[in-house]
């Protein structure tokens, strides 16, 4: 699975309400979070961006009803929360 321009800082399994599980990876300096289909090795959708600097940590945040969010922490000192099932959705407010 190739896509980041630099080393990968974090990787997490991301179970979705549909029963599908994706992998989320975080780039060192590109500031992106990418979703991958682990069975094919192909990227899923466009990368999440919005950070300045590296993404240092990722975690899946399971909610009731089967929905899962994705939280990222970065060198910029912010924690962003993403809704990966909603393609291209900006961070959750």
PDB file of N, CA and C in Angstrom:
ATOM      1  N   UNK A   1       0.854  -1.168   0.000  1.00  0.00           N
ATOM      2  CA  UNK A   1       0.000   0.000   0.000  1.00  0.00           C
ATOM      3  C   UNK A   1       0.899   1.230   0.000  1.00  0.00           C
ATOM      4  N   UNK A   2       0.993   1.848  -1.121  1.00  0.00           N
ATOM      5  CA  UNK A   2       1.868   2.999  -1.284  1.00  0.00           C
ATOM      6  C   UNK A   2       1.011   4.226  -1.561  1.00  0.00           C
ATOM      7  N   UNK A   3       1.293   5.331  -0.892  1.00  0.00           N
ATOM      8  CA  UNK A   3       0.519   6.539  -1.131  1.00  0.00           C
ATOM      9  C   UNK A   3       1.063   7.746  -0.406  1.00  0.00           C
ATOM     10  N   UNK A   4       1.641   7.545   0.777  1.00  0.00           N
ATOM     11  CA  UNK A   4       2.213   8.673   1.506  1.00  0.00           C
ATOM     12  C   UNK A   4       3.547   9.061   0.874  1.00  0.00           C
ATOM     13  N   UNK A   5       3.868  10.329   0.949  1.00  0.00           N
ATOM     14  CA  UNK A   5       5.113  10.825   0.374  1.00  0.00           C
ATOM     15  C   UNK A   5       6.294  10.624   1.316  1.00  0.00           C
ATOM     16  N   UNK A   6       6.041  10.140   2.496  1.00  0.00           N
ATOM     17  CA  UNK A   6       7.075  10.013   3.512  1.00  0.00           C
ATOM     18  C   UNK A   6       6.699   8.883   4.465  1.00  0.00           C
ATOM     19  N   UNK A   7       7.439   8.659   5.542  1.00  0.00           N
ATOM     20  CA  UNK A   7       7.134   7.535   6.434  1.00  0.00           C
ATOM     21  C   UNK A   7       5.723   7.600   7.018  1.00  0.00           C
ATOM     22  N   UNK A   8       5.201   6.423   7.310  1.00  0.00           N
ATOM     23  CA  UNK A   8       3.894   6.300   7.958  1.00  0.00           C
ATOM     24  C   UNK A   8       4.116   6.340   9.462  1.00  0.00           C
ATOM     25  N   UNK A   9       3.405   7.214  10.162  1.00  0.00           N
ATOM     26  CA  UNK A   9       3.538   7.394  11.612  1.00  0.00           C
ATOM     27  C   UNK A   9       2.597   6.514  12.415  1.00  0.00           C
ATOM     28  N   UNK A  10       1.397   6.258  11.863  1.00  0.00           N
ATOM     29  CA  UNK A  10       0.384   5.532  12.626  1.00  0.00           C
ATOM     30  C   UNK A  10      -0.478   4.713  11.680  1.00  0.00           C
ATOM     31  N   UNK A  11      -1.008   3.619  12.216  1.00  0.00           N
ATOM     32  CA  UNK A  11      -1.873   2.730  11.455  1.00  0.00           C
ATOM     33  C   UNK A  11      -2.926   2.177  12.407  1.00  0.00           C
ATOM     34  N   UNK A  12      -4.188   2.134  11.966  1.00  0.00           N
ATOM     35  CA  UNK A  12      -5.256   1.624  12.826  1.00  0.00           C
ATOM     36  C   UNK A  12      -6.317   0.927  11.967  1.00  0.00           C
ATOM     37  N   UNK A  13      -6.872  -0.162  12.500  1.00  0.00           N
ATOM     38  CA  UNK A  13      -8.009  -0.821  11.852  1.00  0.00           C
ATOM     39  C   UNK A  13      -9.256  -0.006  12.150  1.00  0.00           C
ATOM     40  N   UNK A  14     -10.108   0.138  11.149  1.00  0.00           N
ATOM     41  CA  UNK A  14     -11.280   0.995  11.260  1.00  0.00           C
ATOM     42  C   UNK A  14     -12.527   0.213  10.850  1.00  0.00           C
ATOM     43  N   UNK A  15     -13.229  -0.391  11.819  1.00  0.00           N
ATOM     44  CA  UNK A  15     -14.453  -1.130  11.485  1.00  0.00           C
ATOM     45  C   UNK A  15     -15.602  -0.158  11.188  1.00  0.00           C
ATOM     46  N   UNK A  16     -16.293  -0.401  10.091  1.00  0.00           N
ATOM     47  CA  UNK A  16     -17.412   0.457   9.703  1.00  0.00           C
ATOM     48  C   UNK A  16     -18.741  -0.231  10.012  1.00  0.00           C
ATOM     49  N   UNK A  17     -19.807   0.544  10.071  1.00  0.00           N
ATOM     50  CA  UNK A  17     -21.141   0.015  10.387  1.00  0.00           C
ATOM     51  C   UNK A  17     -21.593  -1.018   9.361  1.00  0.00           C
ATOM     52  N   UNK A  18     -21.077  -0.933   8.144  1.00  0.00           N
ATOM     53  CA  UNK A  18     -21.452  -1.860   7.078  1.00  0.00           C
ATOM     54  C   UNK A  18     -20.875  -3.258   7.289  1.00  0.00           C
ATOM     55  N   UNK A  19     -19.972  -3.397   8.262  1.00  0.00           N
ATOM     56  CA  UNK A  19     -19.305  -4.669   8.496  1.00  0.00           C
ATOM     57  C   UNK A  19     -17.934  -4.729   7.840  1.00  0.00           C
ATOM     58  N   UNK A  20     -17.629  -3.775   7.014  1.00  0.00           N
ATOM     59  CA  UNK A  20     -16.343  -3.686   6.334  1.00  0.00           C
ATOM     60  C   UNK A  20     -15.308  -3.091   7.289  1.00  0.00           C
ATOM     61  N   UNK A  21     -14.084  -3.560   7.194  1.00  0.00           N
ATOM     62  CA  UNK A  21     -12.995  -2.984   7.986  1.00  0.00           C
ATOM     63  C   UNK A  21     -11.961  -2.399   7.040  1.00  0.00           C
ATOM     64  N   UNK A  22     -11.601  -1.152   7.276  1.00  0.00           N
ATOM     65  CA  UNK A  22     -10.563  -0.475   6.501  1.00  0.00           C
ATOM     66  C   UNK A  22      -9.335  -0.296   7.373  1.00  0.00           C
ATOM     67  N   UNK A  23      -8.228   0.066   6.750  1.00  0.00           N
ATOM     68  CA  UNK A  23      -7.045   0.502   7.482  1.00  0.00           C
ATOM     69  C   UNK A  23      -6.910   1.999   7.265  1.00  0.00           C
ATOM     70  N   UNK A  24      -6.523   2.709   8.303  1.00  0.00           N
ATOM     71  CA  UNK A  24      -6.234   4.138   8.187  1.00  0.00           C
ATOM     72  C   UNK A  24      -4.760   4.314   8.481  1.00  0.00           C
ATOM     73  N   UNK A  25      -4.074   5.088   7.640  1.00  0.00           N
ATOM     74  CA  UNK A  25      -2.655   5.347   7.846  1.00  0.00           C
ATOM     75  C   UNK A  25      -2.423   6.852   7.900  1.00  0.00           C
ATOM     76  N   UNK A  26      -1.407   7.239   8.676  1.00  0.00           N
ATOM     77  CA  UNK A  26      -1.096   8.659   8.867  1.00  0.00           C
ATOM     78  C   UNK A  26       0.308   8.948   8.385  1.00  0.00           C
ATOM     79  N   UNK A  27       0.442  10.016   7.592  1.00  0.00           N
ATOM     80  CA  UNK A  27       1.736  10.395   7.047  1.00  0.00           C
ATOM     81  C   UNK A  27       2.559  11.238   7.997  1.00  0.00           C
ATOM     82  N   UNK A  28       3.877  11.114   7.842  1.00  0.00           N
ATOM     83  CA  UNK A  28       4.807  11.832   8.705  1.00  0.00           C
ATOM     84  C   UNK A  28       4.749  13.335   8.441  1.00  0.00           C
ATOM     85  N   UNK A  29       5.031  13.751   7.221  1.00  0.00           N
ATOM     86  CA  UNK A  29       5.060  15.187   6.936  1.00  0.00           C
ATOM     87  C   UNK A  29       3.975  15.664   5.996  1.00  0.00           C
ATOM     88  N   UNK A  30       3.312  14.732   5.291  1.00  0.00           N
ATOM     89  CA  UNK A  30       2.306  15.186   4.328  1.00  0.00           C
ATOM     90  C   UNK A  30       0.999  15.599   4.987  1.00  0.00           C
ATOM     91  N   UNK A  31       0.818  15.290   6.278  1.00  0.00           N
ATOM     92  CA  UNK A  31      -0.358  15.736   7.018  1.00  0.00           C
ATOM     93  C   UNK A  31      -1.652  15.081   6.593  1.00  0.00           C
ATOM     94  N   UNK A  32      -1.568  13.945   5.888  1.00  0.00           N
ATOM     95  CA  UNK A  32      -2.787  13.294   5.423  1.00  0.00           C
ATOM     96  C   UNK A  32      -3.074  12.011   6.196  1.00  0.00           C
ATOM     97  N   UNK A  33      -4.347  11.636   6.188  1.00  0.00           N
ATOM     98  CA  UNK A  33      -4.795  10.342   6.681  1.00  0.00           C
ATOM     99  C   UNK A  33      -5.419   9.646   5.484  1.00  0.00           C
ATOM    100  N   UNK A  34      -4.959   8.445   5.211  1.00  0.00           N
ATOM    101  CA  UNK A  34      -5.436   7.695   4.043  1.00  0.00           C
ATOM    102  C   UNK A  34      -6.149   6.441   4.493  1.00  0.00           C
ATOM    103  N   UNK A  35      -7.197   6.090   3.757  1.00  0.00           N
ATOM    104  CA  UNK A  35      -7.957   4.868   4.033  1.00  0.00           C
ATOM    105  C   UNK A  35      -7.612   3.830   2.976  1.00  0.00           C
ATOM    106  N   UNK A  36      -7.516   2.570   3.422  1.00  0.00           N
ATOM    107  CA  UNK A  36      -7.118   1.476   2.551  1.00  0.00           C
ATOM    108  C   UNK A  36      -8.056   0.286   2.723  1.00  0.00           C
ATOM    109  N   UNK A  37      -8.259  -0.438   1.639  1.00  0.00           N
ATOM    110  CA  UNK A  37      -8.952  -1.716   1.698  1.00  0.00           C
ATOM    111  C   UNK A  37      -7.878  -2.772   1.933  1.00  0.00           C
ATOM    112  N   UNK A  38      -7.853  -3.411   3.101  1.00  0.00           N
ATOM    113  CA  UNK A  38      -6.770  -4.346   3.401  1.00  0.00           C
ATOM    114  C   UNK A  38      -6.802  -5.612   2.552  1.00  0.00           C
ATOM    115  N   UNK A  39      -7.945  -5.931   1.953  1.00  0.00           N
ATOM    116  CA  UNK A  39      -8.011  -7.145   1.135  1.00  0.00           C
ATOM    117  C   UNK A  39      -7.441  -6.937  -0.267  1.00  0.00           C
ATOM    118  N   UNK A  40      -7.483  -5.696  -0.753  1.00  0.00           N
ATOM    119  CA  UNK A  40      -6.969  -5.417  -2.101  1.00  0.00           C
ATOM    120  C   UNK A  40      -5.684  -4.598  -2.078  1.00  0.00           C
ATOM    121  N   UNK A  41      -5.428  -3.911  -0.963  1.00  0.00           N
ATOM    122  CA  UNK A  41      -4.265  -3.028  -0.887  1.00  0.00           C
ATOM    123  C   UNK A  41      -4.469  -1.710  -1.606  1.00  0.00           C
ATOM    124  N   UNK A  42      -5.676  -1.447  -2.027  1.00  0.00           N
ATOM    125  CA  UNK A  42      -5.965  -0.210  -2.776  1.00  0.00           C
ATOM    126  C   UNK A  42      -6.500   0.885  -1.859  1.00  0.00           C
ATOM    127  N   UNK A  43      -6.225   2.147  -2.240  1.00  0.00           N
ATOM    128  CA  UNK A  43      -6.781   3.253  -1.458  1.00  0.00           C
ATOM    129  C   UNK A  43      -8.294   3.317  -1.601  1.00  0.00           C
ATOM    130  N   UNK A  44      -8.932   3.811  -0.554  1.00  0.00           N
ATOM    131  CA  UNK A  44     -10.376   4.007  -0.538  1.00  0.00           C
ATOM    132  C   UNK A  44     -10.618   5.505  -0.433  1.00  0.00           C
ATOM    133  N   UNK A  45     -11.234   6.074  -1.445  1.00  0.00           N
ATOM    134  CA  UNK A  45     -11.582   7.488  -1.445  1.00  0.00           C
ATOM    135  C   UNK A  45     -10.335   8.375  -1.466  1.00  0.00           C
ATOM    136  N   UNK A  46     -10.541   9.656  -1.291  1.00  0.00           N
ATOM    137  CA  UNK A  46      -9.430  10.607  -1.285  1.00  0.00           C
ATOM    138  C   UNK A  46      -8.900  10.756   0.133  1.00  0.00           C
ATOM    139  N   UNK A  47      -7.622  11.106   0.275  1.00  0.00           N
ATOM    140  CA  UNK A  47      -7.061  11.271   1.626  1.00  0.00           C
ATOM    141  C   UNK A  47      -7.732  12.409   2.386  1.00  0.00           C
ATOM    142  N   UNK A  48      -7.806  12.241   3.707  1.00  0.00           N
ATOM    143  CA  UNK A  48      -8.256  13.331   4.575  1.00  0.00           C
ATOM    144  C   UNK A  48      -7.065  14.250   4.790  1.00  0.00           C
ATOM    145  N   UNK A  49      -7.296  15.544   4.687  1.00  0.00           N
ATOM    146  CA  UNK A  49      -6.223  16.509   4.942  1.00  0.00           C
ATOM    147  C   UNK A  49      -6.780  17.620   5.810  1.00  0.00           C
ATOM    148  N   UNK A  50      -5.956  18.558   6.158  1.00  0.00           N
ATOM    149  CA  UNK A  50      -6.416  19.648   7.010  1.00  0.00           C
ATOM    150  C   UNK A  50      -5.473  19.880   8.170  1.00  0.00           C
ATOM    151  N   UNK A  51      -4.405  19.131   8.209  1.00  0.00           N
ATOM    152  CA  UNK A  51      -3.401  19.303   9.264  1.00  0.00           C
ATOM    153  C   UNK A  51      -2.234  20.076   8.703  1.00  0.00           C
ATOM    154  N   UNK A  52      -1.521  20.746   9.558  1.00  0.00           N
ATOM    155  CA  UNK A  52      -0.242  21.322   9.162  1.00  0.00           C
ATOM    156  C   UNK A  52       0.823  20.554   9.936  1.00  0.00           C
ATOM    157  N   UNK A  53       1.635  19.821   9.247  1.00  0.00           N
ATOM    158  CA  UNK A  53       2.646  18.988   9.886  1.00  0.00           C
ATOM    159  C   UNK A  53       2.209  17.539   9.946  1.00  0.00           C
ATOM    160  N   UNK A  54       3.015  16.757  10.616  1.00  0.00           N
ATOM    161  CA  UNK A  54       2.783  15.315  10.636  1.00  0.00           C
ATOM    162  C   UNK A  54       1.594  14.921  11.494  1.00  0.00           C
ATOM    163  N   UNK A  55       1.036  13.761  11.152  1.00  0.00           N
ATOM    164  CA  UNK A  55      -0.004  13.131  11.964  1.00  0.00           C
ATOM    165  C   UNK A  55       0.712  12.067  12.783  1.00  0.00           C
ATOM    166  N   UNK A  56       0.641  12.173  14.096  1.00  0.00           N
ATOM    167  CA  UNK A  56       1.408  11.297  14.972  1.00  0.00           C
ATOM    168  C   UNK A  56       0.624  10.130  15.532  1.00  0.00           C
ATOM    169  N   UNK A  57      -0.699  10.213  15.545  1.00  0.00           N
ATOM    170  CA  UNK A  57      -1.499   9.143  16.149  1.00  0.00           C
ATOM    171  C   UNK A  57      -2.871   9.081  15.508  1.00  0.00           C
ATOM    172  N   UNK A  58      -3.402   7.870  15.452  1.00  0.00           N
ATOM    173  CA  UNK A  58      -4.761   7.621  14.968  1.00  0.00           C
ATOM    174  C   UNK A  58      -5.444   6.667  15.933  1.00  0.00           C
ATOM    175  N   UNK A  59      -6.761   6.815  16.062  1.00  0.00           N
ATOM    176  CA  UNK A  59      -7.537   5.835  16.806  1.00  0.00           C
ATOM    177  C   UNK A  59      -8.950   5.777  16.259  1.00  0.00           C
ATOM    178  N   UNK A  60      -9.502   4.585  16.273  1.00  0.00           N
ATOM    179  CA  UNK A  60     -10.904   4.407  15.906  1.00  0.00           C
ATOM    180  C   UNK A  60     -11.753   4.737  17.122  1.00  0.00           C
ATOM    181  N   UNK A  61     -12.868   5.425  16.896  1.00  0.00           N
ATOM    182  CA  UNK A  61     -13.769   5.826  17.977  1.00  0.00           C
ATOM    183  C   UNK A  61     -15.137   5.213  17.703  1.00  0.00           C
ATOM    184  N   UNK A  62     -15.400   4.017  18.268  1.00  0.00           N
ATOM    185  CA  UNK A  62     -16.693   3.374  18.030  1.00  0.00           C
ATOM    186  C   UNK A  62     -17.811   4.088  18.776  1.00  0.00           C
ATOM    187  N   UNK A  63     -18.928   4.285  18.091  1.00  0.00           N
ATOM    188  CA  UNK A  63     -20.099   4.921  18.682  1.00  0.00           C
ATOM    189  C   UNK A  63     -21.247   3.912  18.712  1.00  0.00           C
ATOM    190  N   UNK A  64     -22.266   4.224  19.461  1.00  0.00           N
ATOM    191  CA  UNK A  64     -23.437   3.344  19.476  1.00  0.00           C
ATOM    192  C   UNK A  64     -24.050   3.322  18.080  1.00  0.00           C
ATOM    193  N   UNK A  65     -24.703   2.242  17.755  1.00  0.00           N
ATOM    194  CA  UNK A  65     -25.328   2.118  16.446  1.00  0.00           C
ATOM    195  C   UNK A  65     -24.375   1.620  15.373  1.00  0.00           C
ATOM    196  N   UNK A  66     -23.136   1.300  15.750  1.00  0.00           N
ATOM    197  CA  UNK A  66     -22.186   0.752  14.798  1.00  0.00           C
ATOM    198  C   UNK A  66     -21.355   1.762  14.041  1.00  0.00           C
ATOM    199  N   UNK A  67     -21.614   3.030  14.211  1.00  0.00           N
ATOM    200  CA  UNK A  67     -20.833   4.064  13.523  1.00  0.00           C
ATOM    201  C   UNK A  67     -19.461   4.187  14.179  1.00  0.00           C
ATOM    202  N   UNK A  68     -18.434   4.404  13.360  1.00  0.00           N
ATOM    203  CA  UNK A  68     -17.082   4.582  13.871  1.00  0.00           C
ATOM    204  C   UNK A  68     -16.496   5.862  13.304  1.00  0.00           C
ATOM    205  N   UNK A  69     -15.958   6.701  14.167  1.00  0.00           N
ATOM    206  CA  UNK A  69     -15.238   7.897  13.747  1.00  0.00           C
ATOM    207  C   UNK A  69     -13.745   7.599  13.811  1.00  0.00           C
ATOM    208  N   UNK A  70     -12.950   8.483  13.257  1.00  0.00           N
ATOM    209  CA  UNK A  70     -11.503   8.348  13.265  1.00  0.00           C
ATOM    210  C   UNK A  70     -10.917   9.629  13.825  1.00  0.00           C
ATOM    211  N   UNK A  71     -10.132   9.511  14.889  1.00  0.00           N
ATOM    212  CA  UNK A  71      -9.493  10.689  15.490  1.00  0.00           C
ATOM    213  C   UNK A  71      -8.014  10.675  15.138  1.00  0.00           C
ATOM    214  N   UNK A  72      -7.498  11.853  14.806  1.00  0.00           N
ATOM    215  CA  UNK A  72      -6.073  11.995  14.498  1.00  0.00           C
ATOM    216  C   UNK A  72      -5.484  13.103  15.357  1.00  0.00           C
ATOM    217  N   UNK A  73      -4.274  12.843  15.845  1.00  0.00           N
ATOM    218  CA  UNK A  73      -3.533  13.843  16.621  1.00  0.00           C
ATOM    219  C   UNK A  73      -2.260  14.161  15.863  1.00  0.00           C
ATOM    220  N   UNK A  74      -1.915  15.442  15.841  1.00  0.00           N
ATOM    221  CA  UNK A  74      -0.772  15.822  15.037  1.00  0.00           C
ATOM    222  C   UNK A  74       0.193  16.751  15.729  1.00  0.00           C
ATOM    223  N   UNK A  75       1.259  16.982  14.999  1.00  0.00           N
ATOM    224  CA  UNK A  75       2.327  17.858  15.465  1.00  0.00           C
ATOM    225  C   UNK A  75       1.834  19.292  15.641  1.00  0.00           C
ATOM    226  N   UNK A  76       0.712  19.626  15.008  1.00  0.00           N
ATOM    227  CA  UNK A  76       0.156  20.972  15.118  1.00  0.00           C
ATOM    228  C   UNK A  76      -0.589  21.187  16.440  1.00  0.00           C
ATOM    229  N   UNK A  77      -0.662  20.138  17.277  1.00  0.00           N
ATOM    230  CA  UNK A  77      -1.282  20.264  18.595  1.00  0.00           C
ATOM    231  C   UNK A  77      -2.788  20.103  18.604  1.00  0.00           C
ATOM    232  N   UNK A  78      -3.364  19.750  17.474  1.00  0.00           N
ATOM    233  CA  UNK A  78      -4.822  19.608  17.393  1.00  0.00           C
ATOM    234  C   UNK A  78      -5.222  18.146  17.249  1.00  0.00           C
ATOM    235  N   UNK A  79      -6.410  17.831  17.747  1.00  0.00           N
ATOM    236  CA  UNK A  79      -7.035  16.531  17.510  1.00  0.00           C
ATOM    237  C   UNK A  79      -8.200  16.789  16.566  1.00  0.00           C
ATOM    238  N   UNK A  80      -8.196  16.099  15.419  1.00  0.00           N
ATOM    239  CA  UNK A  80      -9.297  16.211  14.463  1.00  0.00           C
ATOM    240  C   UNK A  80     -10.063  14.909  14.476  1.00  0.00           C
ATOM    241  N   UNK A  81     -11.378  14.992  14.329  1.00  0.00           N
ATOM    242  CA  UNK A  81     -12.231  13.812  14.300  1.00  0.00           C
ATOM    243  C   UNK A  81     -12.892  13.761  12.933  1.00  0.00           C
ATOM    244  N   UNK A  82     -12.753  12.610  12.281  1.00  0.00           N
ATOM    245  CA  UNK A  82     -13.234  12.428  10.920  1.00  0.00           C
ATOM    246  C   UNK A  82     -14.390  11.434  10.885  1.00  0.00           C
ATOM    247  N   UNK A  83     -15.251  11.572   9.893  1.00  0.00           N
ATOM    248  CA  UNK A  83     -16.343  10.631   9.661  1.00  0.00           C
ATOM    249  C   UNK A  83     -16.016   9.862   8.380  1.00  0.00           C
ATOM    250  N   UNK A  84     -15.250   8.771   8.485  1.00  0.00           N
ATOM    251  CA  UNK A  84     -14.758   8.102   7.283  1.00  0.00           C
ATOM    252  C   UNK A  84     -15.829   7.491   6.403  1.00  0.00           C
ATOM    253  N   UNK A  85     -16.983   7.161   6.924  1.00  0.00           N
ATOM    254  CA  UNK A  85     -18.036   6.570   6.080  1.00  0.00           C
ATOM    255  C   UNK A  85     -18.683   7.619   5.180  1.00  0.00           C
ATOM    256  N   UNK A  86     -18.491   8.896   5.485  1.00  0.00           N
ATOM    257  CA  UNK A  86     -19.040   9.974   4.678  1.00  0.00           C
ATOM    258  C   UNK A  86     -17.916  10.543   3.828  1.00  0.00           C
ATOM    259  N   UNK A  87     -17.774  10.040   2.635  1.00  0.00           N
ATOM    260  CA  UNK A  87     -16.658  10.379   1.758  1.00  0.00           C
ATOM    261  C   UNK A  87     -16.457  11.879   1.643  1.00  0.00           C
ATOM    262  N   UNK A  88     -15.226  12.289   1.811  1.00  0.00           N
ATOM    263  CA  UNK A  88     -14.866  13.672   1.638  1.00  0.00           C
ATOM    264  C   UNK A  88     -15.396  14.607   2.719  1.00  0.00           C
ATOM    265  N   UNK A  89     -15.948  14.054   3.767  1.00  0.00           N
ATOM    266  CA  UNK A  89     -16.515  14.879   4.825  1.00  0.00           C
ATOM    267  C   UNK A  89     -15.404  15.562   5.607  1.00  0.00           C
ATOM    268  N   UNK A  90     -15.507  16.853   5.838  1.00  0.00           N
ATOM    269  CA  UNK A  90     -14.489  17.530   6.637  1.00  0.00           C
ATOM    270  C   UNK A  90     -14.554  17.053   8.087  1.00  0.00           C
ATOM    271  N   UNK A  91     -13.590  17.451   8.899  1.00  0.00           N
ATOM    272  CA  UNK A  91     -13.597  17.015  10.291  1.00  0.00           C
ATOM    273  C   UNK A  91     -14.927  17.305  10.967  1.00  0.00           C
ATOM    274  N   UNK A  92     -15.284  16.408  11.870  1.00  0.00           N
ATOM    275  CA  UNK A  92     -16.509  16.562  12.651  1.00  0.00           C
ATOM    276  C   UNK A  92     -16.333  17.742  13.586  1.00  0.00           C
ATOM    277  N   UNK A  93     -17.320  18.655  13.661  1.00  0.00           N
ATOM    278  CA  UNK A  93     -17.164  19.816  14.558  1.00  0.00           C
ATOM    279  C   UNK A  93     -17.193  19.400  16.023  1.00  0.00           C
TER     280      UNK A  93
END
